Amino acid sequence: MARFDIYENPGKNKANIPYLIEVQSNVISGLATRVVIPLRHLAGFSNLTVPSDLFPLIAIDGKDYLLDTPQLGAIPSGELKVKIGSAQDYRFEIQGALDRLFGSY
């Protein structure tokens, strides 16, 4: 497991949140949990205006998903089973969203 890996959501809400991005530092990879941010379908946000630096778009197989940064959480690492790719190309946008969330400007 590595920071910015994208996994299929193993939870019951995967219809609305198909993917999770791991954002936990590789330095603490020995923990039993991983901090993840959900990736949501854009359809649920069509009537909302959200700050793009807090909710950046992440493309997977040519389709855009919204990084729902304020909904980050920890899940047991054993639940992240199906890795579908990496969001390494979006690391600056993801880190910027985390900085906005935690006030690290």
N, C-alpha and C. Protein backbone atom coordinates (compact mmCIF):
# COMPACT_ATOMS: atom_id res chain seq x y z
N MET A 1 0.84 -1.18 0.00
CA MET A 1 0.00 0.00 0.00
C MET A 1 0.88 1.24 0.00
N ALA A 2 0.46 2.21 -0.77
CA ALA A 2 1.25 3.44 -0.87
C ALA A 2 0.32 4.65 -0.91
N ARG A 3 0.88 5.76 -0.47
CA ARG A 3 0.11 7.00 -0.50
C ARG A 3 -0.35 7.29 -1.92
N PHE A 4 -1.59 7.69 -2.04
CA PHE A 4 -2.27 8.06 -3.28
C PHE A 4 -2.73 6.86 -4.10
N ASP A 5 -2.62 5.65 -3.57
CA ASP A 5 -3.21 4.50 -4.26
C ASP A 5 -4.72 4.63 -4.24
N ILE A 6 -5.36 4.18 -5.31
CA ILE A 6 -6.82 4.22 -5.43
C ILE A 6 -7.34 2.80 -5.30
N TYR A 7 -8.36 2.63 -4.46
CA TYR A 7 -8.95 1.31 -4.21
C TYR A 7 -10.45 1.35 -4.48
N GLU A 8 -10.99 0.20 -4.86
CA GLU A 8 -12.43 0.06 -4.92
C GLU A 8 -12.96 0.17 -3.49
N ASN A 9 -14.08 0.84 -3.35
CA ASN A 9 -14.69 0.99 -2.04
C ASN A 9 -15.30 -0.36 -1.63
N PRO A 10 -14.87 -0.93 -0.49
CA PRO A 10 -15.42 -2.20 -0.06
C PRO A 10 -16.72 -2.06 0.72
N GLY A 11 -17.16 -0.83 0.98
CA GLY A 11 -18.33 -0.59 1.81
C GLY A 11 -19.65 -0.68 1.07
N LYS A 12 -20.71 -0.62 1.85
CA LYS A 12 -22.05 -0.75 1.29
C LYS A 12 -22.49 0.48 0.51
N ASN A 13 -21.78 1.60 0.62
CA ASN A 13 -22.12 2.83 -0.10
C ASN A 13 -21.33 3.00 -1.40
N LYS A 14 -20.82 1.90 -1.95
CA LYS A 14 -19.97 2.01 -3.14
C LYS A 14 -20.72 2.47 -4.38
N ALA A 15 -22.04 2.44 -4.37
CA ALA A 15 -22.79 2.95 -5.52
C ALA A 15 -22.57 4.46 -5.68
N ASN A 16 -22.48 5.17 -4.56
CA ASN A 16 -22.25 6.62 -4.58
C ASN A 16 -20.77 6.98 -4.44
N ILE A 17 -20.03 6.11 -3.78
CA ILE A 17 -18.60 6.33 -3.55
C ILE A 17 -17.86 5.09 -4.06
N PRO A 18 -17.57 5.05 -5.35
CA PRO A 18 -16.97 3.83 -5.90
C PRO A 18 -15.51 3.61 -5.52
N TYR A 19 -14.79 4.68 -5.17
CA TYR A 19 -13.36 4.55 -4.92
C TYR A 19 -12.93 5.31 -3.66
N LEU A 20 -11.80 4.89 -3.12
CA LEU A 20 -11.16 5.54 -1.98
C LEU A 20 -9.70 5.78 -2.34
N ILE A 21 -9.16 6.93 -1.97
CA ILE A 21 -7.75 7.22 -2.17
C ILE A 21 -7.06 7.21 -0.82
N GLU A 22 -6.00 6.43 -0.71
CA GLU A 22 -5.22 6.42 0.52
C GLU A 22 -4.35 7.67 0.56
N VAL A 23 -4.41 8.39 1.68
CA VAL A 23 -3.62 9.62 1.80
C VAL A 23 -2.65 9.57 2.98
N GLN A 24 -2.59 8.45 3.64
CA GLN A 24 -1.70 8.30 4.79
C GLN A 24 -0.25 8.23 4.34
N SER A 25 0.62 8.82 5.13
CA SER A 25 2.05 8.82 4.83
C SER A 25 2.60 7.40 4.80
N ASN A 26 3.48 7.14 3.86
CA ASN A 26 4.15 5.84 3.77
C ASN A 26 5.02 5.56 4.99
N VAL A 27 5.43 6.60 5.68
CA VAL A 27 6.31 6.46 6.85
C VAL A 27 5.61 5.70 7.98
N ILE A 28 4.29 5.79 8.05
CA ILE A 28 3.55 5.10 9.11
C ILE A 28 2.71 3.96 8.54
N SER A 29 3.27 3.25 7.60
CA SER A 29 2.53 2.18 6.92
C SER A 29 2.31 0.96 7.81
N GLY A 30 2.97 0.88 8.95
CA GLY A 30 2.81 -0.28 9.83
C GLY A 30 1.54 -0.27 10.66
N LEU A 31 0.74 0.80 10.59
CA LEU A 31 -0.49 0.85 11.35
C LEU A 31 -1.54 -0.09 10.77
N ALA A 32 -2.50 -0.47 11.58
CA ALA A 32 -3.55 -1.39 11.16
C ALA A 32 -4.65 -0.70 10.35
N THR A 33 -4.61 0.62 10.29
CA THR A 33 -5.61 1.38 9.56
C THR A 33 -4.95 2.24 8.49
N ARG A 34 -5.77 2.71 7.57
CA ARG A 34 -5.32 3.63 6.53
C ARG A 34 -6.29 4.80 6.47
N VAL A 35 -5.74 6.00 6.32
CA VAL A 35 -6.57 7.18 6.15
C VAL A 35 -6.88 7.31 4.66
N VAL A 36 -8.18 7.42 4.36
CA VAL A 36 -8.63 7.47 2.97
C VAL A 36 -9.59 8.63 2.77
N ILE A 37 -9.70 9.06 1.52
CA ILE A 37 -10.66 10.08 1.13
C ILE A 37 -11.56 9.45 0.06
N PRO A 38 -12.88 9.60 0.20
CA PRO A 38 -13.78 9.05 -0.81
C PRO A 38 -13.75 9.83 -2.12
N LEU A 39 -13.92 9.10 -3.20
CA LEU A 39 -14.13 9.68 -4.53
C LEU A 39 -15.59 9.46 -4.90
N ARG A 40 -16.31 10.53 -5.13
CA ARG A 40 -17.75 10.46 -5.40
C ARG A 40 -18.05 10.75 -6.87
N HIS A 41 -19.17 10.19 -7.32
CA HIS A 41 -19.69 10.53 -8.64
C HIS A 41 -20.06 12.02 -8.65
N LEU A 42 -19.85 12.67 -9.74
CA LEU A 42 -20.17 14.10 -9.85
C LEU A 42 -21.67 14.37 -9.82
N ALA A 43 -22.48 13.42 -10.18
CA ALA A 43 -23.93 13.63 -10.27
C ALA A 43 -24.52 14.15 -8.96
N GLY A 44 -24.02 13.72 -7.84
CA GLY A 44 -24.54 14.15 -6.56
C GLY A 44 -24.21 15.59 -6.22
N PHE A 45 -23.38 16.23 -7.00
CA PHE A 45 -22.95 17.59 -6.72
C PHE A 45 -23.33 18.57 -7.81
N SER A 46 -24.22 18.17 -8.70
CA SER A 46 -24.54 19.00 -9.86
C SER A 46 -25.18 20.33 -9.48
N ASN A 47 -25.88 20.40 -8.35
CA ASN A 47 -26.55 21.64 -7.96
C ASN A 47 -25.76 22.45 -6.93
N LEU A 48 -24.57 21.99 -6.60
CA LEU A 48 -23.76 22.67 -5.60
C LEU A 48 -22.54 23.32 -6.24
N THR A 49 -22.14 24.43 -5.65
CA THR A 49 -20.86 25.03 -6.02
C THR A 49 -19.90 24.75 -4.87
N VAL A 50 -18.87 23.99 -5.17
CA VAL A 50 -17.91 23.61 -4.13
C VAL A 50 -16.55 24.20 -4.48
N PRO A 51 -15.77 24.55 -3.46
CA PRO A 51 -14.43 25.07 -3.73
C PRO A 51 -13.54 24.01 -4.37
N SER A 52 -13.01 24.31 -5.54
CA SER A 52 -12.24 23.31 -6.28
C SER A 52 -10.94 22.93 -5.58
N ASP A 53 -10.42 23.80 -4.72
CA ASP A 53 -9.19 23.44 -4.02
C ASP A 53 -9.47 22.47 -2.86
N LEU A 54 -10.70 22.41 -2.37
CA LEU A 54 -11.09 21.47 -1.33
C LEU A 54 -11.66 20.19 -1.92
N PHE A 55 -12.26 20.30 -3.09
CA PHE A 55 -12.89 19.17 -3.78
C PHE A 55 -12.33 19.03 -5.20
N PRO A 56 -11.05 18.71 -5.36
CA PRO A 56 -10.51 18.59 -6.73
C PRO A 56 -11.11 17.40 -7.47
N LEU A 57 -11.07 17.49 -8.77
CA LEU A 57 -11.52 16.39 -9.63
C LEU A 57 -10.36 15.44 -9.89
N ILE A 58 -10.66 14.15 -9.82
CA ILE A 58 -9.67 13.10 -10.09
C ILE A 58 -10.23 12.24 -11.22
N ALA A 59 -9.48 12.07 -12.29
CA ALA A 59 -9.94 11.26 -13.42
C ALA A 59 -9.48 9.82 -13.27
N ILE A 60 -10.42 8.91 -13.50
CA ILE A 60 -10.13 7.47 -13.51
C ILE A 60 -10.77 6.91 -14.77
N ASP A 61 -9.96 6.34 -15.63
CA ASP A 61 -10.43 5.77 -16.90
C ASP A 61 -11.28 6.77 -17.69
N GLY A 62 -10.83 8.02 -17.72
CA GLY A 62 -11.50 9.04 -18.51
C GLY A 62 -12.76 9.63 -17.88
N LYS A 63 -13.07 9.25 -16.66
CA LYS A 63 -14.26 9.76 -15.98
C LYS A 63 -13.83 10.53 -14.74
N ASP A 64 -14.42 11.72 -14.53
CA ASP A 64 -14.06 12.56 -13.38
C ASP A 64 -14.86 12.18 -12.14
N TYR A 65 -14.15 12.20 -11.01
CA TYR A 65 -14.75 11.96 -9.70
C TYR A 65 -14.34 13.09 -8.78
N LEU A 66 -15.20 13.40 -7.82
CA LEU A 66 -14.95 14.47 -6.88
C LEU A 66 -14.28 13.91 -5.63
N LEU A 67 -13.14 14.47 -5.26
CA LEU A 67 -12.45 14.09 -4.04
C LEU A 67 -13.17 14.79 -2.88
N ASP A 68 -13.87 14.02 -2.06
CA ASP A 68 -14.68 14.58 -0.97
C ASP A 68 -13.82 14.68 0.29
N THR A 69 -12.89 15.60 0.26
CA THR A 69 -11.86 15.74 1.30
C THR A 69 -12.42 15.83 2.71
N PRO A 70 -13.49 16.62 2.97
CA PRO A 70 -13.99 16.71 4.35
C PRO A 70 -14.52 15.38 4.90
N GLN A 71 -14.74 14.41 4.05
CA GLN A 71 -15.26 13.11 4.49
C GLN A 71 -14.16 12.08 4.71
N LEU A 72 -12.91 12.52 4.83
CA LEU A 72 -11.84 11.55 5.03
C LEU A 72 -12.05 10.79 6.32
N GLY A 73 -11.49 9.59 6.37
CA GLY A 73 -11.61 8.76 7.55
C GLY A 73 -10.60 7.63 7.50
N ALA A 74 -10.59 6.84 8.56
CA ALA A 74 -9.67 5.71 8.64
C ALA A 74 -10.48 4.41 8.54
N ILE A 75 -9.93 3.45 7.81
CA ILE A 75 -10.55 2.14 7.73
C ILE A 75 -9.44 1.09 7.95
N PRO A 76 -9.82 -0.12 8.36
CA PRO A 76 -8.81 -1.17 8.51
C PRO A 76 -8.11 -1.43 7.18
N SER A 77 -6.81 -1.54 7.22
CA SER A 77 -6.04 -1.72 5.98
C SER A 77 -6.44 -2.98 5.23
N GLY A 78 -6.89 -4.00 5.94
CA GLY A 78 -7.30 -5.24 5.31
C GLY A 78 -8.53 -5.11 4.43
N GLU A 79 -9.27 -4.03 4.57
CA GLU A 79 -10.46 -3.82 3.75
C GLU A 79 -10.11 -3.26 2.37
N LEU A 80 -8.93 -2.70 2.23
CA LEU A 80 -8.50 -2.16 0.94
C LEU A 80 -7.86 -3.29 0.14
N LYS A 81 -8.68 -3.96 -0.65
CA LYS A 81 -8.21 -5.17 -1.32
C LYS A 81 -7.96 -4.98 -2.81
N VAL A 82 -8.81 -4.20 -3.48
CA VAL A 82 -8.72 -4.10 -4.93
C VAL A 82 -8.16 -2.74 -5.33
N LYS A 83 -6.85 -2.70 -5.57
CA LYS A 83 -6.21 -1.47 -6.04
C LYS A 83 -6.46 -1.34 -7.52
N ILE A 84 -6.96 -0.16 -7.93
CA ILE A 84 -7.25 0.03 -9.35
C ILE A 84 -6.31 1.03 -10.02
N GLY A 85 -5.44 1.65 -9.23
CA GLY A 85 -4.50 2.59 -9.82
C GLY A 85 -3.89 3.51 -8.78
N SER A 86 -3.35 4.61 -9.26
CA SER A 86 -2.70 5.58 -8.39
C SER A 86 -3.14 6.99 -8.79
N ALA A 87 -3.26 7.84 -7.79
CA ALA A 87 -3.57 9.25 -8.03
C ALA A 87 -2.30 10.09 -7.84
N GLN A 88 -1.16 9.48 -8.01
CA GLN A 88 0.13 10.15 -7.85
C GLN A 88 0.22 11.42 -8.71
N ASP A 89 -0.39 11.39 -9.89
CA ASP A 89 -0.37 12.56 -10.77
C ASP A 89 -1.16 13.74 -10.17
N TYR A 90 -2.00 13.47 -9.18
CA TYR A 90 -2.83 14.49 -8.54
C TYR A 90 -2.33 14.84 -7.13
N ARG A 91 -1.12 14.45 -6.81
CA ARG A 91 -0.62 14.61 -5.44
C ARG A 91 -0.65 16.06 -4.97
N PHE A 92 -0.37 17.01 -5.84
CA PHE A 92 -0.37 18.42 -5.44
C PHE A 92 -1.80 18.90 -5.16
N GLU A 93 -2.75 18.46 -5.97
CA GLU A 93 -4.15 18.83 -5.74
C GLU A 93 -4.67 18.19 -4.45
N ILE A 94 -4.31 16.93 -4.21
CA ILE A 94 -4.76 16.24 -3.00
C ILE A 94 -4.13 16.88 -1.77
N GLN A 95 -2.84 17.15 -1.82
CA GLN A 95 -2.18 17.78 -0.68
C GLN A 95 -2.75 19.18 -0.44
N GLY A 96 -3.04 19.89 -1.51
CA GLY A 96 -3.66 21.21 -1.37
C GLY A 96 -5.03 21.13 -0.71
N ALA A 97 -5.80 20.12 -1.06
CA ALA A 97 -7.11 19.92 -0.45
C ALA A 97 -6.98 19.60 1.05
N LEU A 98 -6.00 18.78 1.40
CA LEU A 98 -5.74 18.47 2.81
C LEU A 98 -5.28 19.73 3.56
N ASP A 99 -4.44 20.53 2.92
CA ASP A 99 -4.00 21.78 3.53
C ASP A 99 -5.18 22.73 3.76
N ARG A 100 -6.08 22.80 2.80
CA ARG A 100 -7.28 23.65 2.95
C ARG A 100 -8.14 23.14 4.10
N LEU A 101 -8.31 21.85 4.19
CA LEU A 101 -9.14 21.26 5.24
C LEU A 101 -8.57 21.53 6.63
N PHE A 102 -7.26 21.38 6.77
CA PHE A 102 -6.63 21.51 8.08
C PHE A 102 -6.04 22.90 8.35
N GLY A 103 -6.19 23.82 7.39
CA GLY A 103 -5.71 25.19 7.61
C GLY A 103 -4.21 25.32 7.59
N SER A 104 -3.54 24.57 6.72
CA SER A 104 -2.07 24.57 6.67
C SER A 104 -1.53 25.50 5.60
N TYR A 105 -2.16 26.63 5.40
CA TYR A 105 -1.67 27.56 4.38
C TYR A 105 -0.43 28.26 4.84
